[in-house]
Amino acid sequence: HMHTTASDGTVNVERRVGLAAERDLDAVAITDHDVIADALTERTERRDGVELIAGVEIRADLFDTKVEILGHFVDPTHEGLLATLERAREFRRQRNAELVANLAEATGLDLSYEDLTTPVDGNLGRPHLADVLIEAGVVDSVGGAFDEYLAEEGEAFVPMERLPVTEVVETIHAAGGTATLAHPGRIRASDDTVAEM
C-alpha cells in the first residue's frame, strides 16, 4: 500500500502510477491516512497499464491498543465511509493543534497550527513537524525530532483519539472493501493482547 500527498506521501496519485508503470508493477493500492485521494474515483481502474486500487488506512483502537486498518477496493464515494474518515481527520486535527502548542512551549519557537497547515499539501502530520524542527535547528534529524518531541515518550507528544476497530472494519465492508491489518509487526501490545487480536 502507498501514500500520496493527500496525506503524508511525497508524490500525487498520478506520479505513484507513473512510478509503478516504470517498475513494471501490475497493481498498486493508494491507501492514504484517513482520506481517499480526490484522483481515486472508482474502486479499481487501469491507468498506464497499472491496476489502481482505491483504498484507505484508518487508525483504530483494539483492546486499548493503536492499530491501523487498511481498506482496499473501497467505493470512494460511499457516504458512510466519507463520514467516518471526516471524524478520523477531526481527531487528527485536534491532536495536531495540541501538539503544535506543546512544541511551541517546549522549544520556544513561534509556531501556530494555522500557519503550519497552510503550506502542507494533504494532512499536517508529525513528519511535517519534524521538518519544521530540523529547519529551525532544534534537532538534526527526523529521528531526533521524534525521539525528543514527537514520539510517545517525547516532550510534546499528544495521543490521538481513535475509532473503535469494529466500526472501522464494518464501514470498510459497507463501502465494498476488504479490511486487513496494516503493519502487524509494529503493534505495541503485550503477548496476551496480540493473542486476543
N, C-alpha and C. Protein backbone atom coordinates (compact mmCIF):
# COMPACT_ATOMS: atom_id res chain seq x y z
N HIS A 1 0.85 -1.18 0.00
CA HIS A 1 0.00 0.00 0.00
C HIS A 1 0.88 1.23 0.00
N MET A 2 0.36 2.30 -0.60
CA MET A 2 1.15 3.51 -0.81
C MET A 2 0.36 4.74 -0.38
N HIS A 3 1.11 5.76 0.03
CA HIS A 3 0.51 7.04 0.40
C HIS A 3 0.87 8.08 -0.66
N THR A 4 0.06 9.13 -0.70
CA THR A 4 0.30 10.24 -1.64
C THR A 4 0.26 11.54 -0.86
N THR A 5 0.36 12.63 -1.59
CA THR A 5 0.27 13.94 -0.95
C THR A 5 -1.12 14.23 -0.39
N ALA A 6 -2.08 13.35 -0.63
CA ALA A 6 -3.39 13.51 0.01
C ALA A 6 -3.28 13.33 1.52
N SER A 7 -2.25 12.60 1.98
CA SER A 7 -1.99 12.51 3.42
C SER A 7 -0.53 12.83 3.68
N ASP A 8 0.31 11.82 3.89
CA ASP A 8 1.70 12.11 4.25
C ASP A 8 2.71 11.58 3.24
N GLY A 9 2.27 11.33 2.01
CA GLY A 9 3.19 10.87 0.98
C GLY A 9 3.92 12.03 0.33
N THR A 10 4.83 11.69 -0.57
CA THR A 10 5.67 12.72 -1.19
C THR A 10 5.28 13.06 -2.62
N VAL A 11 4.44 12.22 -3.26
CA VAL A 11 4.01 12.49 -4.63
C VAL A 11 2.50 12.25 -4.75
N ASN A 12 1.91 12.77 -5.84
CA ASN A 12 0.47 12.60 -6.03
C ASN A 12 0.15 11.24 -6.67
N VAL A 13 -1.13 10.96 -6.83
CA VAL A 13 -1.58 9.67 -7.38
C VAL A 13 -0.99 9.43 -8.76
N GLU A 14 -1.03 10.43 -9.61
CA GLU A 14 -0.55 10.27 -10.98
C GLU A 14 0.92 9.86 -10.99
N ARG A 15 1.71 10.48 -10.13
CA ARG A 15 3.14 10.13 -10.09
C ARG A 15 3.33 8.74 -9.51
N ARG A 16 2.52 8.36 -8.53
CA ARG A 16 2.61 6.99 -7.98
C ARG A 16 2.34 5.97 -9.10
N VAL A 17 1.32 6.22 -9.90
CA VAL A 17 1.00 5.32 -11.01
C VAL A 17 2.15 5.30 -12.01
N GLY A 18 2.70 6.47 -12.30
CA GLY A 18 3.83 6.54 -13.22
C GLY A 18 5.03 5.75 -12.71
N LEU A 19 5.33 5.88 -11.44
CA LEU A 19 6.45 5.13 -10.85
C LEU A 19 6.18 3.63 -10.89
N ALA A 20 4.93 3.24 -10.63
CA ALA A 20 4.56 1.82 -10.68
C ALA A 20 4.73 1.27 -12.10
N ALA A 21 4.30 2.05 -13.10
CA ALA A 21 4.44 1.63 -14.50
C ALA A 21 5.92 1.51 -14.88
N GLU A 22 6.75 2.46 -14.43
CA GLU A 22 8.18 2.40 -14.72
C GLU A 22 8.83 1.15 -14.14
N ARG A 23 8.28 0.66 -13.04
CA ARG A 23 8.84 -0.51 -12.36
C ARG A 23 8.12 -1.80 -12.75
N ASP A 24 7.25 -1.71 -13.77
CA ASP A 24 6.51 -2.87 -14.27
C ASP A 24 5.65 -3.54 -13.21
N LEU A 25 5.09 -2.77 -12.29
CA LEU A 25 4.17 -3.33 -11.31
C LEU A 25 2.81 -3.53 -11.96
N ASP A 26 2.15 -4.61 -11.60
CA ASP A 26 0.82 -4.89 -12.15
C ASP A 26 -0.27 -4.07 -11.47
N ALA A 27 -0.10 -3.83 -10.15
CA ALA A 27 -1.14 -3.15 -9.39
C ALA A 27 -0.53 -2.40 -8.21
N VAL A 28 -1.19 -1.32 -7.81
CA VAL A 28 -0.85 -0.59 -6.59
C VAL A 28 -2.14 -0.18 -5.90
N ALA A 29 -2.07 -0.10 -4.59
CA ALA A 29 -3.20 0.38 -3.80
C ALA A 29 -2.80 1.70 -3.17
N ILE A 30 -3.61 2.72 -3.37
CA ILE A 30 -3.39 4.02 -2.74
C ILE A 30 -4.24 4.04 -1.47
N THR A 31 -3.57 4.06 -0.34
CA THR A 31 -4.26 3.96 0.95
C THR A 31 -3.78 5.07 1.88
N ASP A 32 -4.15 6.28 1.56
CA ASP A 32 -3.75 7.42 2.39
C ASP A 32 -4.41 7.35 3.76
N HIS A 33 -3.78 8.03 4.72
CA HIS A 33 -4.29 8.07 6.09
C HIS A 33 -5.57 8.89 6.16
N ASP A 34 -6.68 8.25 6.52
CA ASP A 34 -7.94 8.91 6.85
C ASP A 34 -8.54 9.74 5.71
N VAL A 35 -8.12 9.49 4.48
CA VAL A 35 -8.66 10.23 3.35
C VAL A 35 -8.50 9.39 2.08
N ILE A 36 -9.44 9.56 1.18
CA ILE A 36 -9.31 8.95 -0.14
C ILE A 36 -8.92 10.06 -1.10
N ALA A 37 -7.81 9.88 -1.76
CA ALA A 37 -7.31 10.90 -2.68
C ALA A 37 -8.38 11.24 -3.71
N ASP A 38 -8.51 12.54 -4.02
CA ASP A 38 -9.51 13.01 -4.98
C ASP A 38 -9.37 12.34 -6.34
N ALA A 39 -8.16 11.95 -6.70
CA ALA A 39 -7.92 11.33 -8.02
C ALA A 39 -8.49 9.92 -8.11
N LEU A 40 -8.90 9.34 -6.99
CA LEU A 40 -9.48 7.99 -7.00
C LEU A 40 -10.99 8.11 -7.11
N THR A 41 -11.53 7.65 -8.23
CA THR A 41 -12.97 7.81 -8.46
C THR A 41 -13.69 6.47 -8.60
N GLU A 42 -12.93 5.40 -8.75
CA GLU A 42 -13.50 4.05 -8.90
C GLU A 42 -12.84 3.13 -7.88
N ARG A 43 -13.51 2.04 -7.55
CA ARG A 43 -12.92 1.06 -6.63
C ARG A 43 -11.62 0.50 -7.19
N THR A 44 -11.61 0.27 -8.49
CA THR A 44 -10.40 -0.16 -9.19
C THR A 44 -10.51 0.27 -10.64
N GLU A 45 -9.37 0.63 -11.21
CA GLU A 45 -9.33 1.02 -12.62
C GLU A 45 -7.91 0.81 -13.13
N ARG A 46 -7.77 0.84 -14.44
CA ARG A 46 -6.43 0.72 -15.04
C ARG A 46 -5.98 2.10 -15.52
N ARG A 47 -4.75 2.43 -15.15
CA ARG A 47 -4.13 3.65 -15.63
C ARG A 47 -2.70 3.31 -16.04
N ASP A 48 -2.33 3.69 -17.21
CA ASP A 48 -0.97 3.43 -17.72
C ASP A 48 -0.57 1.97 -17.56
N GLY A 49 -1.54 1.06 -17.75
CA GLY A 49 -1.27 -0.37 -17.66
C GLY A 49 -1.17 -0.90 -16.24
N VAL A 50 -1.48 -0.08 -15.24
CA VAL A 50 -1.39 -0.48 -13.83
C VAL A 50 -2.80 -0.51 -13.25
N GLU A 51 -3.11 -1.60 -12.53
CA GLU A 51 -4.38 -1.63 -11.82
C GLU A 51 -4.24 -0.73 -10.60
N LEU A 52 -5.12 0.27 -10.51
CA LEU A 52 -5.09 1.24 -9.42
C LEU A 52 -6.25 0.92 -8.49
N ILE A 53 -5.92 0.57 -7.26
CA ILE A 53 -6.92 0.14 -6.27
C ILE A 53 -7.16 1.28 -5.30
N ALA A 54 -8.44 1.66 -5.14
CA ALA A 54 -8.81 2.71 -4.19
C ALA A 54 -8.81 2.12 -2.79
N GLY A 55 -8.16 2.83 -1.89
CA GLY A 55 -8.10 2.34 -0.52
C GLY A 55 -7.91 3.47 0.47
N VAL A 56 -7.74 3.05 1.72
CA VAL A 56 -7.57 4.00 2.81
C VAL A 56 -6.90 3.28 3.97
N GLU A 57 -6.21 4.01 4.81
CA GLU A 57 -5.61 3.47 6.04
C GLU A 57 -6.18 4.28 7.21
N ILE A 58 -6.81 3.58 8.14
CA ILE A 58 -7.51 4.25 9.23
C ILE A 58 -6.96 3.76 10.57
N ARG A 59 -6.59 4.70 11.42
CA ARG A 59 -6.13 4.38 12.77
C ARG A 59 -7.34 3.96 13.60
N ALA A 60 -7.18 2.91 14.37
CA ALA A 60 -8.31 2.39 15.15
C ALA A 60 -7.82 1.91 16.51
N ASP A 61 -8.78 1.67 17.39
CA ASP A 61 -8.48 1.18 18.72
C ASP A 61 -8.96 -0.26 18.87
N LEU A 62 -8.08 -1.12 19.34
CA LEU A 62 -8.41 -2.52 19.60
C LEU A 62 -7.78 -2.90 20.94
N PHE A 63 -8.60 -3.19 21.93
CA PHE A 63 -8.11 -3.52 23.27
C PHE A 63 -7.18 -2.44 23.81
N ASP A 64 -7.60 -1.18 23.65
CA ASP A 64 -6.79 -0.04 24.10
C ASP A 64 -5.42 0.01 23.44
N THR A 65 -5.32 -0.53 22.25
CA THR A 65 -4.07 -0.57 21.50
C THR A 65 -4.31 0.07 20.14
N LYS A 66 -3.35 0.91 19.71
CA LYS A 66 -3.46 1.53 18.39
C LYS A 66 -3.13 0.50 17.32
N VAL A 67 -4.05 0.36 16.38
CA VAL A 67 -3.81 -0.45 15.18
C VAL A 67 -4.20 0.40 13.98
N GLU A 68 -3.72 0.00 12.82
CA GLU A 68 -4.13 0.67 11.59
C GLU A 68 -4.75 -0.36 10.67
N ILE A 69 -5.93 -0.02 10.17
CA ILE A 69 -6.69 -0.93 9.32
C ILE A 69 -6.66 -0.40 7.89
N LEU A 70 -6.31 -1.30 6.97
CA LEU A 70 -6.32 -0.96 5.55
C LEU A 70 -7.65 -1.37 4.95
N GLY A 71 -8.22 -0.49 4.15
CA GLY A 71 -9.38 -0.82 3.36
C GLY A 71 -8.99 -0.78 1.90
N HIS A 72 -9.11 -1.90 1.21
CA HIS A 72 -8.80 -1.97 -0.23
C HIS A 72 -10.10 -2.15 -1.01
N PHE A 73 -10.13 -1.64 -2.23
CA PHE A 73 -11.28 -1.78 -3.14
C PHE A 73 -12.52 -1.08 -2.61
N VAL A 74 -12.34 0.01 -1.85
CA VAL A 74 -13.49 0.73 -1.31
C VAL A 74 -14.11 1.62 -2.39
N ASP A 75 -15.39 1.91 -2.23
CA ASP A 75 -16.08 2.86 -3.10
C ASP A 75 -15.69 4.26 -2.61
N PRO A 76 -14.96 5.04 -3.41
CA PRO A 76 -14.50 6.35 -2.96
C PRO A 76 -15.61 7.36 -2.71
N THR A 77 -16.85 7.04 -3.13
CA THR A 77 -17.97 7.97 -2.95
C THR A 77 -18.92 7.52 -1.85
N HIS A 78 -18.61 6.44 -1.15
CA HIS A 78 -19.51 5.89 -0.13
C HIS A 78 -19.67 6.88 1.02
N GLU A 79 -20.92 7.35 1.23
CA GLU A 79 -21.17 8.40 2.22
C GLU A 79 -20.79 7.99 3.64
N GLY A 80 -21.07 6.75 4.02
CA GLY A 80 -20.73 6.29 5.36
C GLY A 80 -19.22 6.29 5.59
N LEU A 81 -18.48 5.84 4.59
CA LEU A 81 -17.03 5.83 4.69
C LEU A 81 -16.50 7.27 4.76
N LEU A 82 -17.00 8.14 3.92
CA LEU A 82 -16.53 9.52 3.92
C LEU A 82 -16.81 10.21 5.25
N ALA A 83 -17.95 9.91 5.86
CA ALA A 83 -18.28 10.49 7.17
C ALA A 83 -17.33 9.97 8.25
N THR A 84 -17.02 8.68 8.20
CA THR A 84 -16.09 8.09 9.16
C THR A 84 -14.70 8.70 9.00
N LEU A 85 -14.27 8.89 7.77
CA LEU A 85 -12.96 9.48 7.53
C LEU A 85 -12.90 10.92 8.02
N GLU A 86 -13.99 11.65 7.88
CA GLU A 86 -14.02 13.02 8.39
C GLU A 86 -13.86 13.03 9.91
N ARG A 87 -14.51 12.10 10.60
CA ARG A 87 -14.34 12.00 12.06
C ARG A 87 -12.89 11.72 12.41
N ALA A 88 -12.27 10.79 11.69
CA ALA A 88 -10.87 10.45 11.96
C ALA A 88 -9.96 11.65 11.70
N ARG A 89 -10.23 12.41 10.66
CA ARG A 89 -9.41 13.59 10.37
C ARG A 89 -9.59 14.66 11.45
N GLU A 90 -10.80 14.76 11.98
CA GLU A 90 -11.02 15.73 13.06
C GLU A 90 -10.22 15.33 14.30
N PHE A 91 -10.16 14.04 14.62
CA PHE A 91 -9.30 13.59 15.72
C PHE A 91 -7.86 14.03 15.46
N ARG A 92 -7.40 13.86 14.22
CA ARG A 92 -6.03 14.20 13.85
C ARG A 92 -5.81 15.72 13.98
N ARG A 93 -6.78 16.53 13.50
CA ARG A 93 -6.65 17.99 13.59
C ARG A 93 -6.55 18.43 15.05
N GLN A 94 -7.41 17.88 15.90
CA GLN A 94 -7.39 18.24 17.32
C GLN A 94 -6.04 17.88 17.95
N ARG A 95 -5.56 16.68 17.68
CA ARG A 95 -4.28 16.25 18.23
C ARG A 95 -3.15 17.13 17.72
N ASN A 96 -3.14 17.42 16.43
CA ASN A 96 -2.05 18.21 15.86
C ASN A 96 -2.04 19.64 16.38
N ALA A 97 -3.21 20.22 16.60
CA ALA A 97 -3.26 21.57 17.17
C ALA A 97 -2.65 21.58 18.57
N GLU A 98 -2.97 20.57 19.38
CA GLU A 98 -2.38 20.46 20.72
C GLU A 98 -0.88 20.20 20.64
N LEU A 99 -0.48 19.37 19.69
CA LEU A 99 0.93 19.04 19.52
C LEU A 99 1.75 20.28 19.14
N VAL A 100 1.22 21.10 18.24
CA VAL A 100 1.90 22.33 17.84
C VAL A 100 2.04 23.26 19.04
N ALA A 101 0.98 23.39 19.83
CA ALA A 101 1.05 24.24 21.04
C ALA A 101 2.11 23.70 22.01
N ASN A 102 2.15 22.40 22.19
CA ASN A 102 3.15 21.80 23.07
C ASN A 102 4.56 22.03 22.54
N LEU A 103 4.74 21.91 21.22
CA LEU A 103 6.06 22.14 20.62
C LEU A 103 6.51 23.58 20.82
N ALA A 104 5.59 24.51 20.64
CA ALA A 104 5.93 25.92 20.82
C ALA A 104 6.39 26.16 22.26
N GLU A 105 5.69 25.57 23.20
CA GLU A 105 6.06 25.74 24.61
C GLU A 105 7.38 25.06 24.93
N ALA A 106 7.59 23.87 24.40
CA ALA A 106 8.80 23.10 24.72
C ALA A 106 10.05 23.67 24.06
N THR A 107 9.90 24.26 22.87
CA THR A 107 11.07 24.72 22.11
C THR A 107 11.27 26.23 22.14
N GLY A 108 10.22 26.96 22.49
CA GLY A 108 10.30 28.42 22.44
C GLY A 108 10.11 28.97 21.05
N LEU A 109 9.81 28.12 20.08
CA LEU A 109 9.57 28.57 18.70
C LEU A 109 8.20 29.22 18.60
N ASP A 110 8.09 30.19 17.70
CA ASP A 110 6.81 30.85 17.44
C ASP A 110 6.07 30.02 16.40
N LEU A 111 5.26 29.07 16.88
CA LEU A 111 4.54 28.15 15.99
C LEU A 111 3.05 28.35 16.14
N SER A 112 2.35 28.29 15.01
CA SER A 112 0.89 28.31 15.06
C SER A 112 0.37 27.21 14.14
N TYR A 113 -0.66 26.53 14.61
CA TYR A 113 -1.25 25.44 13.83
C TYR A 113 -1.71 25.94 12.47
N GLU A 114 -2.35 27.09 12.44
CA GLU A 114 -2.87 27.63 11.19
C GLU A 114 -1.74 27.90 10.20
N ASP A 115 -0.64 28.52 10.68
CA ASP A 115 0.49 28.81 9.79
C ASP A 115 1.12 27.53 9.25
N LEU A 116 1.18 26.50 10.07
CA LEU A 116 1.83 25.25 9.65
C LEU A 116 0.97 24.45 8.67
N THR A 117 -0.35 24.55 8.77
CA THR A 117 -1.21 23.79 7.87
C THR A 117 -1.30 24.41 6.47
N THR A 118 -1.07 25.72 6.36
CA THR A 118 -1.23 26.41 5.08
C THR A 118 -0.36 25.84 3.97
N PRO A 119 0.95 25.63 4.19
CA PRO A 119 1.78 25.14 3.07
C PRO A 119 1.72 23.64 2.84
N VAL A 120 1.02 22.91 3.69
CA VAL A 120 1.02 21.45 3.59
C VAL A 120 0.01 20.99 2.55
N ASP A 121 0.48 20.15 1.62
CA ASP A 121 -0.39 19.54 0.63
C ASP A 121 -0.84 18.21 1.22
N GLY A 122 -2.08 18.14 1.71
CA GLY A 122 -2.55 16.95 2.41
C GLY A 122 -2.76 17.28 3.88
N ASN A 123 -2.62 16.28 4.74
CA ASN A 123 -2.83 16.45 6.17
C ASN A 123 -1.52 16.78 6.88
N LEU A 124 -1.54 17.79 7.73
CA LEU A 124 -0.39 18.07 8.57
C LEU A 124 -0.17 16.86 9.47
N GLY A 125 1.06 16.42 9.56
CA GLY A 125 1.37 15.27 10.39
C GLY A 125 2.70 15.46 11.10
N ARG A 126 3.03 14.50 11.93
CA ARG A 126 4.28 14.59 12.68
C ARG A 126 5.51 14.66 11.78
N PRO A 127 5.54 14.00 10.60
CA PRO A 127 6.72 14.18 9.73
C PRO A 127 6.91 15.64 9.30
N HIS A 128 5.80 16.35 9.06
CA HIS A 128 5.91 17.77 8.72
C HIS A 128 6.49 18.55 9.89
N LEU A 129 6.05 18.22 11.11
CA LEU A 129 6.54 18.93 12.29
C LEU A 129 8.01 18.61 12.53
N ALA A 130 8.42 17.40 12.22
CA ALA A 130 9.84 17.05 12.33
C ALA A 130 10.66 17.94 11.40
N ASP A 131 10.17 18.15 10.17
CA ASP A 131 10.87 19.02 9.22
C ASP A 131 10.98 20.45 9.76
N VAL A 132 9.92 20.95 10.39
CA VAL A 132 9.94 22.29 10.97
C VAL A 132 11.03 22.38 12.04
N LEU A 133 11.12 21.36 12.89
CA LEU A 133 12.13 21.35 13.95
C LEU A 133 13.54 21.30 13.38
N ILE A 134 13.72 20.56 12.30
CA ILE A 134 15.04 20.49 11.65
C ILE A 134 15.39 21.85 11.04
N GLU A 135 14.46 22.45 10.30
CA GLU A 135 14.70 23.74 9.67
C GLU A 135 15.01 24.83 10.70
N ALA A 136 14.41 24.73 11.89
CA ALA A 136 14.65 25.73 12.94
C ALA A 136 15.94 25.44 13.71
N GLY A 137 16.59 24.32 13.41
CA GLY A 137 17.83 23.98 14.09
C GLY A 137 17.64 23.41 15.49
N VAL A 138 16.42 23.01 15.80
CA VAL A 138 16.14 22.45 17.13
C VAL A 138 16.69 21.03 17.24
N VAL A 139 16.60 20.28 16.15
CA VAL A 139 17.11 18.90 16.09
C VAL A 139 17.86 18.72 14.77
N ASP A 140 18.62 17.64 14.69
CA ASP A 140 19.42 17.39 13.49
C ASP A 140 18.78 16.43 12.50
N SER A 141 17.75 15.69 12.96
CA SER A 141 17.20 14.64 12.10
C SER A 141 15.74 14.38 12.44
N VAL A 142 15.06 13.68 11.52
CA VAL A 142 13.68 13.27 11.78
C VAL A 142 13.64 12.37 13.01
N GLY A 143 14.59 11.43 13.10
CA GLY A 143 14.65 10.55 14.26
C GLY A 143 14.81 11.32 15.55
N GLY A 144 15.66 12.34 15.52
CA GLY A 144 15.86 13.17 16.70
C GLY A 144 14.60 13.92 17.08
N ALA A 145 13.86 14.41 16.08
CA ALA A 145 12.61 15.12 16.35
C ALA A 145 11.61 14.20 17.03
N PHE A 146 11.51 12.97 16.51
CA PHE A 146 10.58 12.03 17.12
C PHE A 146 11.04 11.63 18.52
N ASP A 147 12.31 11.31 18.65
CA ASP A 147 12.82 10.88 19.96
C ASP A 147 12.62 11.94 21.03
N GLU A 148 12.93 13.18 20.70
CA GLU A 148 12.89 14.22 21.72
C GLU A 148 11.51 14.83 21.93
N TYR A 149 10.72 14.95 20.83
CA TYR A 149 9.47 15.71 20.93
C TYR A 149 8.21 14.99 20.48
N LEU A 150 8.26 14.19 19.41
CA LEU A 150 7.05 13.77 18.72
C LEU A 150 6.57 12.36 19.02
N ALA A 151 7.46 11.47 19.41
CA ALA A 151 7.06 10.09 19.69
C ALA A 151 6.38 10.00 21.04
N GLU A 152 5.88 8.83 21.35
CA GLU A 152 5.08 8.65 22.57
C GLU A 152 5.79 9.12 23.83
N GLU A 153 7.08 8.96 23.90
CA GLU A 153 7.84 9.40 25.07
C GLU A 153 8.37 10.83 24.91
N GLY A 154 8.06 11.47 23.79
CA GLY A 154 8.57 12.81 23.51
C GLY A 154 7.92 13.89 24.36
N GLU A 155 8.62 14.98 24.46
CA GLU A 155 8.21 16.08 25.34
C GLU A 155 6.89 16.74 24.92
N ALA A 156 6.58 16.73 23.63
CA ALA A 156 5.37 17.41 23.14
C ALA A 156 4.25 16.45 22.75
N PHE A 157 4.47 15.16 22.90
CA PHE A 157 3.53 14.15 22.39
C PHE A 157 2.12 14.35 22.93
N VAL A 158 1.16 14.14 22.05
CA VAL A 158 -0.26 14.14 22.41
C VAL A 158 -0.89 12.90 21.79
N PRO A 159 -1.54 12.06 22.59
CA PRO A 159 -2.20 10.88 22.00
C PRO A 159 -3.39 11.33 21.14
N MET A 160 -3.73 10.50 20.17
CA MET A 160 -4.85 10.81 19.30
C MET A 160 -6.01 9.87 19.60
N GLU A 161 -7.21 10.44 19.66
CA GLU A 161 -8.41 9.62 19.82
C GLU A 161 -8.54 8.71 18.61
N ARG A 162 -9.03 7.49 18.84
CA ARG A 162 -9.14 6.52 17.74
C ARG A 162 -10.56 5.96 17.67
N LEU A 163 -10.94 5.61 16.46
CA LEU A 163 -12.23 4.96 16.24
C LEU A 163 -12.16 3.51 16.69
N PRO A 164 -13.25 2.94 17.15
CA PRO A 164 -13.25 1.51 17.51
C PRO A 164 -13.01 0.66 16.26
N VAL A 165 -12.20 -0.38 16.40
CA VAL A 165 -11.82 -1.20 15.25
C VAL A 165 -13.04 -1.83 14.59
N THR A 166 -14.04 -2.23 15.37
CA THR A 166 -15.23 -2.84 14.77
C THR A 166 -15.95 -1.86 13.85
N GLU A 167 -16.03 -0.61 14.26
CA GLU A 167 -16.67 0.41 13.42
C GLU A 167 -15.89 0.62 12.13
N VAL A 168 -14.57 0.65 12.22
CA VAL A 168 -13.74 0.85 11.04
C VAL A 168 -13.92 -0.30 10.06
N VAL A 169 -13.85 -1.53 10.54
CA VAL A 169 -13.98 -2.71 9.68
C VAL A 169 -15.38 -2.75 9.05
N GLU A 170 -16.41 -2.51 9.85
CA GLU A 170 -17.78 -2.54 9.32
C GLU A 170 -17.98 -1.46 8.25
N THR A 171 -17.39 -0.29 8.46
CA THR A 171 -17.53 0.79 7.48
C THR A 171 -16.82 0.44 6.18
N ILE A 172 -15.63 -0.13 6.27
CA ILE A 172 -14.90 -0.55 5.07
C ILE A 172 -15.72 -1.59 4.31
N HIS A 173 -16.26 -2.55 5.02
CA HIS A 173 -17.08 -3.58 4.37
C HIS A 173 -18.32 -2.96 3.72
N ALA A 174 -18.97 -2.02 4.41
CA ALA A 174 -20.16 -1.37 3.86
C ALA A 174 -19.83 -0.61 2.57
N ALA A 175 -18.58 -0.14 2.47
CA ALA A 175 -18.14 0.58 1.26
C ALA A 175 -17.63 -0.38 0.19
N GLY A 176 -17.87 -1.69 0.37
CA GLY A 176 -17.50 -2.68 -0.63
C GLY A 176 -16.05 -3.11 -0.59
N GLY A 177 -15.33 -2.72 0.47
CA GLY A 177 -13.91 -3.02 0.55
C GLY A 177 -13.57 -4.23 1.39
N THR A 178 -12.31 -4.58 1.37
CA THR A 178 -11.77 -5.62 2.24
C THR A 178 -10.92 -4.94 3.31
N ALA A 179 -10.98 -5.44 4.52
CA ALA A 179 -10.24 -4.85 5.64
C ALA A 179 -9.12 -5.79 6.06
N THR A 180 -7.92 -5.23 6.20
CA THR A 180 -6.77 -6.00 6.68
C THR A 180 -6.00 -5.16 7.69
N LEU A 181 -5.21 -5.85 8.49
CA LEU A 181 -4.40 -5.18 9.50
C LEU A 181 -3.10 -4.70 8.87
N ALA A 182 -2.82 -3.42 9.01
CA ALA A 182 -1.56 -2.85 8.49
C ALA A 182 -0.47 -2.96 9.55
N HIS A 183 0.75 -3.17 9.11
CA HIS A 183 1.93 -3.12 9.98
C HIS A 183 1.80 -3.97 11.25
N PRO A 184 1.45 -5.23 11.16
CA PRO A 184 1.26 -6.01 12.39
C PRO A 184 2.52 -6.10 13.24
N GLY A 185 3.69 -6.01 12.63
CA GLY A 185 4.93 -6.08 13.40
C GLY A 185 5.21 -4.85 14.23
N ARG A 186 4.47 -3.78 13.98
CA ARG A 186 4.69 -2.54 14.72
C ARG A 186 3.67 -2.30 15.82
N ILE A 187 2.78 -3.25 16.05
CA ILE A 187 1.77 -3.07 17.09
C ILE A 187 2.43 -3.22 18.45
N ARG A 188 2.23 -2.22 19.29
CA ARG A 188 2.83 -2.24 20.63
C ARG A 188 1.79 -2.72 21.63
N ALA A 189 1.85 -4.01 21.88
CA ALA A 189 0.89 -4.62 22.81
C ALA A 189 1.55 -5.83 23.45
N SER A 190 0.98 -6.25 24.56
CA SER A 190 1.50 -7.43 25.24
C SER A 190 1.20 -8.68 24.42
N ASP A 191 1.92 -9.75 24.70
CA ASP A 191 1.68 -11.02 24.01
C ASP A 191 0.25 -11.49 24.19
N ASP A 192 -0.31 -11.29 25.38
CA ASP A 192 -1.69 -11.71 25.64
C ASP A 192 -2.68 -10.93 24.78
N THR A 193 -2.44 -9.62 24.65
CA THR A 193 -3.33 -8.79 23.83
C THR A 193 -3.23 -9.21 22.37
N VAL A 194 -2.02 -9.41 21.88
CA VAL A 194 -1.84 -9.84 20.49
C VAL A 194 -2.55 -11.16 20.24
N ALA A 195 -2.47 -12.09 21.19
CA ALA A 195 -3.14 -13.38 21.04
C ALA A 195 -4.66 -13.19 20.93
N GLU A 196 -5.21 -12.24 21.67
CA GLU A 196 -6.66 -11.97 21.60
C GLU A 196 -7.06 -11.36 20.27
N MET A 197 -6.15 -10.58 19.68
CA MET A 197 -6.46 -9.90 18.41
C MET A 197 -6.72 -10.94 17.34
